[in-house]
N, C-alpha and C. Protein backbone atom coordinates (compact mmCIF):
# COMPACT_ATOMS: atom_id res chain seq x y z
N MET A 1 3.47 205.62 -20.38
CA MET A 1 4.96 205.25 -21.09
C MET A 1 4.71 204.71 -22.35
N ASN A 2 4.78 204.90 -23.52
CA ASN A 2 4.11 204.15 -24.46
C ASN A 2 5.33 203.39 -24.99
N ASN A 3 5.47 202.77 -25.96
CA ASN A 3 6.60 201.88 -26.29
C ASN A 3 7.83 201.96 -27.09
N PHE A 4 7.42 203.22 -27.66
CA PHE A 4 8.90 204.37 -28.07
C PHE A 4 9.61 204.81 -27.06
N GLN A 5 8.76 205.41 -26.11
CA GLN A 5 9.47 205.87 -24.62
C GLN A 5 10.54 205.09 -23.63
N LYS A 6 9.40 203.68 -24.10
CA LYS A 6 10.67 202.58 -23.00
C LYS A 6 11.72 202.34 -23.85
N ALA A 7 11.46 202.03 -25.27
CA ALA A 7 12.83 202.04 -25.74
C ALA A 7 13.48 202.90 -25.94
N ILE A 8 13.41 204.28 -25.79
CA ILE A 8 14.55 205.72 -25.44
C ILE A 8 14.97 205.44 -23.93
N PHE A 9 14.28 204.94 -23.11
CA PHE A 9 14.52 205.05 -21.66
C PHE A 9 15.87 204.18 -22.13
N LEU A 10 15.68 202.53 -22.61
CA LEU A 10 16.78 201.82 -22.33
C LEU A 10 17.43 201.69 -23.00
N LEU A 11 17.72 202.65 -24.04
CA LEU A 11 18.66 203.12 -25.05
C LEU A 11 19.92 204.21 -23.76
N GLN A 12 19.35 205.09 -23.62
CA GLN A 12 19.67 206.25 -22.35
C GLN A 12 20.26 205.58 -21.61
N ASN A 13 19.70 204.35 -20.79
CA ASN A 13 20.45 203.68 -19.50
C ASN A 13 20.39 202.47 -19.58
N ILE A 14 21.31 201.72 -20.39
CA ILE A 14 21.30 200.72 -20.97
C ILE A 14 22.51 199.73 -19.62
N ASP A 15 23.35 200.64 -19.10
CA ASP A 15 23.98 200.65 -17.98
C ASP A 15 23.66 200.47 -17.10
N LYS A 16 22.66 201.02 -16.71
CA LYS A 16 21.89 201.08 -15.46
C LYS A 16 20.69 199.62 -15.56
N ILE A 17 20.79 199.35 -16.34
CA ILE A 17 19.65 198.32 -16.53
C ILE A 17 20.53 196.99 -15.61
N LYS A 18 20.16 196.50 -14.50
CA LYS A 18 20.37 195.35 -13.76
C LYS A 18 20.07 193.75 -13.86
N GLN A 19 21.41 192.94 -14.07
CA GLN A 19 20.95 191.65 -14.45
C GLN A 19 21.31 190.68 -12.94
N LEU A 20 21.11 189.56 -13.58
CA LEU A 20 20.82 188.54 -12.39
C LEU A 20 21.53 188.80 -11.51
N ASN A 21 23.13 189.11 -11.75
CA ASN A 21 23.86 188.66 -11.04
C ASN A 21 24.43 190.33 -10.50
N GLY A 22 23.53 191.11 -10.87
CA GLY A 22 23.70 192.72 -10.35
C GLY A 22 24.73 193.90 -11.02
N LYS A 23 25.34 193.15 -11.98
CA LYS A 23 25.93 194.06 -12.77
C LYS A 23 24.97 194.75 -13.83
N GLY A 24 25.26 196.00 -14.22
CA GLY A 24 25.19 196.84 -14.89
C GLY A 24 25.29 195.94 -16.47
N MET A 25 23.99 195.85 -17.80
CA MET A 25 24.34 195.35 -19.23
C MET A 25 25.28 195.68 -19.91
N THR A 26 25.85 195.23 -20.50
CA THR A 26 26.86 196.10 -21.39
C THR A 26 26.10 196.79 -22.97
N LEU A 27 26.57 197.11 -23.73
CA LEU A 27 26.08 197.45 -24.87
C LEU A 27 25.83 195.83 -25.97
N THR A 28 26.95 195.34 -25.58
CA THR A 28 27.06 193.89 -26.42
C THR A 28 25.92 193.11 -25.79
N GLU A 29 25.87 193.09 -25.01
CA GLU A 29 24.54 192.39 -24.09
C GLU A 29 23.13 192.56 -24.51
N PHE A 30 23.33 193.88 -24.20
CA PHE A 30 21.74 194.52 -24.83
C PHE A 30 21.79 194.08 -26.64
N SER A 31 22.87 194.00 -27.36
CA SER A 31 22.58 194.15 -28.58
C SER A 31 22.34 192.48 -28.90
N LYS A 32 22.93 191.44 -28.47
CA LYS A 32 22.52 190.08 -28.23
C LYS A 32 20.87 190.10 -27.80
N ILE A 33 20.07 190.35 -26.63
CA ILE A 33 19.52 189.88 -25.84
C ILE A 33 18.10 190.68 -27.13
N THR A 34 18.39 192.04 -27.86
CA THR A 34 17.77 192.59 -28.69
C THR A 34 17.43 191.90 -30.47
N GLY A 35 18.26 191.52 -30.64
CA GLY A 35 18.88 190.88 -31.49
C GLY A 35 19.67 192.40 -32.77
N VAL A 36 20.03 193.36 -32.19
CA VAL A 36 19.90 194.40 -33.12
C VAL A 36 21.54 194.87 -33.05
N SER A 37 22.45 194.83 -33.79
CA SER A 37 23.56 195.22 -34.00
C SER A 37 24.51 196.29 -33.41
N ARG A 38 25.43 196.33 -32.79
CA ARG A 38 25.86 197.30 -31.60
C ARG A 38 25.75 198.81 -32.71
N PRO A 39 26.48 198.43 -33.93
CA PRO A 39 26.27 200.17 -34.36
C PRO A 39 25.19 200.49 -35.15
N THR A 40 24.25 199.58 -35.02
CA THR A 40 22.78 200.02 -35.52
C THR A 40 21.99 200.71 -33.98
N LEU A 41 22.65 199.95 -32.67
CA LEU A 41 22.32 200.52 -31.72
C LEU A 41 22.84 201.98 -30.92
N TYR A 42 23.90 202.07 -31.64
CA TYR A 42 24.40 203.15 -31.60
C TYR A 42 23.71 204.42 -32.57
N LYS A 43 23.51 203.92 -34.07
CA LYS A 43 22.78 204.85 -34.26
C LYS A 43 21.48 205.36 -33.70
N TYR A 44 20.41 204.32 -32.91
CA TYR A 44 19.44 204.25 -32.69
C TYR A 44 19.75 205.44 -31.00
N ILE A 45 20.86 205.26 -31.17
CA ILE A 45 20.96 205.95 -29.59
C ILE A 45 21.04 207.31 -30.00
N GLN A 46 21.60 207.76 -31.09
CA GLN A 46 21.83 209.36 -31.99
C GLN A 46 20.89 209.69 -32.19
N HIS A 47 19.93 209.00 -33.27
CA HIS A 47 18.89 209.09 -33.69
C HIS A 47 18.04 208.46 -33.16
N PRO A 48 17.03 208.21 -32.20
CA PRO A 48 15.93 207.22 -31.83
C PRO A 48 14.51 207.08 -32.86
N GLU A 49 14.35 208.56 -33.42
CA GLU A 49 13.72 208.88 -34.76
C GLU A 49 13.84 207.21 -35.61
N THR A 50 14.98 206.87 -35.56
CA THR A 50 15.13 205.54 -37.12
C THR A 50 15.04 204.54 -36.17
N MET A 51 14.97 204.34 -35.10
CA MET A 51 14.50 203.19 -34.82
C MET A 51 13.05 202.08 -35.20
N SER A 52 13.48 201.08 -35.25
CA SER A 52 12.51 199.94 -36.21
C SER A 52 11.83 199.62 -35.27
N SER A 53 10.42 199.53 -35.93
CA SER A 53 9.22 199.29 -35.02
C SER A 53 9.31 197.54 -34.35
N SER A 54 10.23 196.97 -34.86
CA SER A 54 10.40 195.85 -34.25
C SER A 54 11.38 195.63 -33.31
N PHE A 55 12.27 196.73 -33.17
CA PHE A 55 12.92 197.10 -32.15
C PHE A 55 12.41 197.60 -31.04
N VAL A 56 11.23 198.43 -31.42
CA VAL A 56 10.81 199.22 -30.11
C VAL A 56 9.95 198.67 -29.68
N ASN A 57 9.19 197.25 -30.14
CA ASN A 57 8.67 196.53 -29.57
C ASN A 57 9.55 195.34 -28.59
N LYS A 58 10.54 194.91 -28.79
CA LYS A 58 11.53 194.40 -28.25
C LYS A 58 12.03 194.97 -26.95
N ALA A 59 12.35 196.55 -27.15
CA ALA A 59 12.88 197.05 -26.13
C ALA A 59 11.46 196.95 -25.00
N ALA A 60 10.22 197.29 -25.68
CA ALA A 60 9.45 197.84 -24.70
C ALA A 60 9.12 196.59 -23.83
N MET A 61 9.25 195.15 -24.44
CA MET A 61 9.07 193.96 -24.30
C MET A 61 10.49 193.88 -22.85
N LEU A 62 11.35 194.14 -22.95
CA LEU A 62 12.44 193.83 -21.91
C LEU A 62 12.15 195.35 -21.19
N TYR A 63 11.94 196.44 -21.28
CA TYR A 63 11.63 197.26 -20.62
C TYR A 63 10.80 197.00 -19.31
N ASP A 64 9.88 196.23 -20.12
CA ASP A 64 8.67 195.47 -19.02
C ASP A 64 9.40 194.60 -18.13
N LYS A 65 9.94 193.57 -18.81
CA LYS A 65 10.56 192.86 -17.99
C LYS A 65 11.94 193.20 -16.61
N VAL A 66 12.37 194.61 -16.98
CA VAL A 66 13.97 194.73 -16.14
C VAL A 66 12.60 195.59 -15.00
N VAL A 67 11.80 196.70 -15.50
CA VAL A 67 11.55 197.01 -14.63
C VAL A 67 10.57 196.29 -13.38
N LYS A 68 9.76 195.41 -14.07
CA LYS A 68 9.17 194.27 -13.18
C LYS A 68 10.47 193.80 -12.47
N PHE A 69 11.22 192.91 -12.82
CA PHE A 69 12.33 192.40 -11.89
C PHE A 69 12.65 193.24 -11.15
N GLN A 70 13.44 194.20 -11.60
CA GLN A 70 13.41 195.37 -10.63
C GLN A 70 12.74 195.75 -9.32
N ASP A 71 11.77 195.29 -9.15
CA ASP A 71 10.61 196.12 -8.22
C ASP A 71 10.61 194.75 -7.86
N ILE A 72 10.62 193.54 -8.12
CA ILE A 72 10.45 192.33 -7.13
C ILE A 72 12.13 192.16 -6.61
N LEU A 73 13.04 192.70 -7.25
CA LEU A 73 14.49 192.56 -6.06
C LEU A 73 14.53 193.44 -5.08
N ASP A 74 13.85 194.54 -5.17
CA ASP A 74 13.78 195.47 -4.12
C ASP A 74 12.77 195.00 -3.23
N THR A 75 11.82 194.48 -3.21
CA THR A 75 10.72 193.77 -2.56
C THR A 75 11.24 192.80 -1.72
N VAL A 76 12.29 192.01 -2.60
CA VAL A 76 12.88 190.65 -2.11
C VAL A 76 13.78 191.29 -0.81
N GLN A 77 14.78 192.33 -1.28
CA GLN A 77 15.40 192.63 -0.76
C GLN A 77 15.12 193.57 0.89
N HIS A 78 14.54 194.00 0.81
CA HIS A 78 13.51 195.31 1.88
C HIS A 78 12.83 193.46 3.04
N GLU A 79 12.24 192.70 1.99
CA GLU A 79 11.64 191.66 3.23
C GLU A 79 12.77 191.03 3.45
N ASP A 80 14.01 190.59 3.42
CA ASP A 80 14.79 190.07 3.61
C ASP A 80 15.58 191.32 4.86
N LYS A 81 15.62 192.51 5.18
CA LYS A 81 16.27 193.02 5.83
C LYS A 81 15.04 193.35 6.84
N GLN A 82 13.76 193.49 6.45
CA GLN A 82 12.99 193.21 7.61
C GLN A 82 12.49 191.75 8.45
N PHE A 83 13.16 190.93 7.39
CA PHE A 83 12.76 189.79 8.12
C PHE A 83 13.84 189.08 9.29
N LYS A 84 15.15 189.86 8.91
CA LYS A 84 16.43 189.76 9.97
C LYS A 84 16.48 190.40 11.23
N THR A 85 15.75 191.71 10.90
CA THR A 85 15.35 192.86 11.89
C THR A 85 14.70 192.02 12.85
N THR A 86 13.04 191.38 12.36
CA THR A 86 12.27 191.06 13.00
C THR A 86 12.54 189.80 13.96
N ARG A 87 13.48 189.25 12.90
CA ARG A 87 14.09 187.68 14.09
C ARG A 87 14.53 188.11 15.07
N GLN A 88 15.31 188.68 15.14
CA GLN A 88 16.09 189.72 15.99
C GLN A 88 15.25 189.97 17.23
N GLU A 89 14.25 190.76 17.07
CA GLU A 89 13.49 191.58 17.51
C GLU A 89 12.64 190.67 18.73
N LEU A 90 11.62 189.48 17.89
CA LEU A 90 11.27 188.92 18.57
C LEU A 90 11.99 187.78 19.60
N ILE A 91 12.90 187.46 19.03
CA ILE A 91 13.95 186.83 20.04
C ILE A 91 13.95 187.75 21.12
N LYS A 92 14.61 188.94 21.05
CA LYS A 92 14.62 189.86 22.58
C LYS A 92 13.51 189.74 23.28
N LEU A 93 12.17 190.36 22.79
CA LEU A 93 10.76 190.29 23.29
C LEU A 93 10.69 188.73 24.11
N LEU A 94 10.87 187.53 23.36
CA LEU A 94 10.53 186.40 23.82
C LEU A 94 11.36 186.08 25.26
N GLU A 95 12.49 186.33 25.14
CA GLU A 95 13.58 185.90 25.43
C GLU A 95 13.24 186.52 27.19
N SER A 96 13.39 188.20 26.93
CA SER A 96 12.96 188.93 27.88
C SER A 96 11.82 188.54 29.22
N ASN A 97 10.81 188.27 27.80
CA ASN A 97 9.51 187.98 28.31
C ASN A 97 9.22 186.77 29.23
N VAL A 98 9.95 185.71 28.73
CA VAL A 98 9.75 184.20 29.40
C VAL A 98 10.67 184.47 30.52
N ALA A 99 11.44 184.83 30.66
CA ALA A 99 12.33 185.44 31.84
C ALA A 99 12.07 186.48 33.22
N ASN A 100 10.62 186.94 32.68
CA ASN A 100 9.99 187.92 33.64
C ASN A 100 8.80 187.63 34.00
N ILE A 101 8.04 186.67 33.05
CA ILE A 101 6.77 186.31 33.41
C ILE A 101 6.69 185.00 33.88
N GLU A 102 5.63 185.09 34.83
CA GLU A 102 5.37 183.51 35.28
C GLU A 102 4.47 182.55 34.55
N VAL A 103 4.57 181.95 33.62
CA VAL A 103 4.27 181.22 33.07
C VAL A 103 4.67 179.44 33.31
N SER A 104 3.39 178.60 32.92
CA SER A 104 3.54 177.75 33.09
C SER A 104 4.85 176.55 32.53
N ASP A 105 5.41 175.72 33.16
CA ASP A 105 6.64 174.98 32.27
C ASP A 105 6.16 174.55 31.16
N TYR A 106 4.98 174.32 30.55
CA TYR A 106 4.57 173.66 29.40
C TYR A 106 5.08 174.92 28.43
N THR A 107 4.24 176.12 28.63
CA THR A 107 4.59 177.56 27.91
C THR A 107 6.03 177.98 27.95
N ARG A 108 6.64 177.57 29.09
CA ARG A 108 7.82 178.05 28.94
C ARG A 108 8.99 177.42 27.75
N ALA A 109 8.39 175.73 27.72
CA ALA A 109 9.05 174.66 27.08
C ALA A 109 8.57 175.12 25.52
N ILE A 110 7.34 175.46 25.25
CA ILE A 110 7.07 176.31 23.94
C ILE A 110 7.54 177.15 23.77
N ALA A 111 7.79 177.85 24.89
CA ALA A 111 8.61 179.32 23.93
C ALA A 111 10.06 178.80 23.57
N ALA A 112 10.61 177.90 24.30
CA ALA A 112 12.10 177.71 24.23
C ALA A 112 12.33 177.10 22.45
N VAL A 113 11.00 176.27 22.50
CA VAL A 113 10.86 176.09 20.95
C VAL A 113 10.82 176.69 20.29
N ILE A 114 9.93 177.54 19.93
CA ILE A 114 9.77 179.00 19.07
C ILE A 114 11.50 179.75 19.23
N ILE A 115 11.85 180.17 20.63
CA ILE A 115 12.95 180.85 20.55
C ILE A 115 14.32 180.61 19.69
N SER A 116 13.86 179.13 19.77
CA SER A 116 15.35 178.14 19.30
C SER A 116 15.05 178.29 17.94
N ASP A 117 13.37 178.05 17.26
CA ASP A 117 13.68 178.10 15.57
C ASP A 117 13.58 179.56 15.38
N LEU A 118 13.35 180.40 16.06
CA LEU A 118 13.32 182.00 15.47
C LEU A 118 14.82 182.23 15.28
N LYS A 119 16.03 181.28 16.17
CA LYS A 119 17.61 181.92 16.16
C LYS A 119 18.29 181.15 14.61
N GLU A 120 17.70 180.46 14.33
CA GLU A 120 17.65 179.94 13.11
C GLU A 120 17.50 180.88 11.99
N GLU A 121 18.19 180.96 10.99
CA GLU A 121 18.68 182.35 9.92
C GLU A 121 17.54 182.55 9.50
N ASN A 122 16.94 180.81 8.51
CA ASN A 122 15.70 181.01 7.81
C ASN A 122 15.03 180.46 8.63
N SER A 123 14.49 181.20 9.39
CA SER A 123 13.33 180.44 10.96
C SER A 123 12.59 180.48 9.97
N SER A 124 11.79 178.81 9.96
CA SER A 124 10.75 178.47 9.12
C SER A 124 9.54 179.03 9.71
N LEU A 125 9.35 179.23 11.01
CA LEU A 125 7.83 179.66 11.85
C LEU A 125 8.06 181.30 11.05
N LEU A 126 8.86 182.26 11.11
CA LEU A 126 8.35 183.51 10.65
C LEU A 126 8.19 183.42 9.37
N LYS A 127 8.82 182.68 8.36
CA LYS A 127 8.72 182.33 7.28
C LYS A 127 6.89 182.06 7.22
N ALA A 128 6.62 181.45 7.87
CA ALA A 128 5.27 181.10 7.78
C ALA A 128 4.38 182.03 8.27
N LEU A 129 4.38 182.54 9.82
CA LEU A 129 4.10 183.86 10.32
C LEU A 129 3.36 185.11 9.07
N SER A 130 4.96 185.07 8.46
CA SER A 130 5.11 186.88 7.18
C SER A 130 4.32 186.27 6.36
N LYS A 131 4.09 185.12 5.84
CA LYS A 131 3.41 184.65 4.73
C LYS A 131 1.68 185.19 5.14
N GLN A 132 0.90 184.92 6.31
CA GLN A 132 -0.01 184.92 6.88
C GLN A 132 -0.57 186.65 6.99
N LEU A 133 0.60 187.59 6.72
CA LEU A 133 -0.07 188.90 6.98
C LEU A 133 -0.75 189.42 5.81
N PRO A 134 -2.13 189.95 6.49
CA PRO A 134 -2.53 190.30 5.40
C PRO A 134 -2.65 191.48 4.60
N PHE A 135 -1.85 192.19 4.41
CA PHE A 135 -1.10 193.37 3.63
C PHE A 135 -0.15 193.18 2.61
N ASN A 136 0.42 194.16 1.86
CA ASN A 136 1.49 194.29 0.93
C ASN A 136 2.04 195.47 1.40
N LYS A 137 3.30 195.60 0.74
CA LYS A 137 4.34 196.66 1.14
C LYS A 137 3.83 198.02 1.18
N THR A 138 2.92 198.00 -0.21
CA THR A 138 2.30 199.56 0.02
C THR A 138 1.36 199.84 1.15
N ASN A 139 0.01 198.82 1.81
CA ASN A 139 -0.36 199.22 2.21
C ASN A 139 -0.59 198.79 3.70
N LEU A 140 1.21 198.59 4.02
CA LEU A 140 1.86 198.22 5.46
C LEU A 140 2.05 199.27 6.29
N ASN A 141 2.39 200.51 5.89
CA ASN A 141 1.81 201.43 6.77
C ASN A 141 0.55 201.76 7.64
N ASP A 142 -0.31 201.65 6.79
CA ASP A 142 -2.18 201.83 7.11
C ASP A 142 -2.29 200.45 7.84
N ALA A 143 -2.07 199.30 7.96
CA ALA A 143 -1.97 197.87 8.42
C ALA A 143 -1.28 198.73 9.78
N LEU A 144 -0.19 198.96 9.99
CA LEU A 144 0.53 199.30 11.60
C LEU A 144 -0.26 200.46 12.08
N SER A 145 -0.62 201.33 11.64
CA SER A 145 -1.18 202.53 12.51
C SER A 145 -2.40 201.99 12.67
N LYS A 146 -3.36 201.29 12.60
CA LYS A 146 -4.75 200.69 13.11
C LYS A 146 -4.56 200.25 14.38
């Protein structure tokens, strides 16, 4: 997608641009960010061929930032969901296995510490372990199928 196409896309989707607070951007906010007046933005929306090259470049940079931010936000939300699910599954797995398998008192004590940490909402152990994963979101399924 070239800069002109990015600028047109943003003009057509201003209300879909997510801000840090999760709300859609208004035309006034878009005007402040790009330094272009609202009447000029309306003109650009109606007649994209009249867009100035400086606006096209600003809009293209904003597009790149917005798309990158949205991608990061989606990844974080996905990982947050996975983190909660994995934390709950690990607790169940460890609690049921420690109760049903004969292990030494030392191993049982270590398991109790691990379970205790996992029960914390922001488990430091699970965070440390998840950083060690040798794959990213795109090849997660490939890694799991091996």
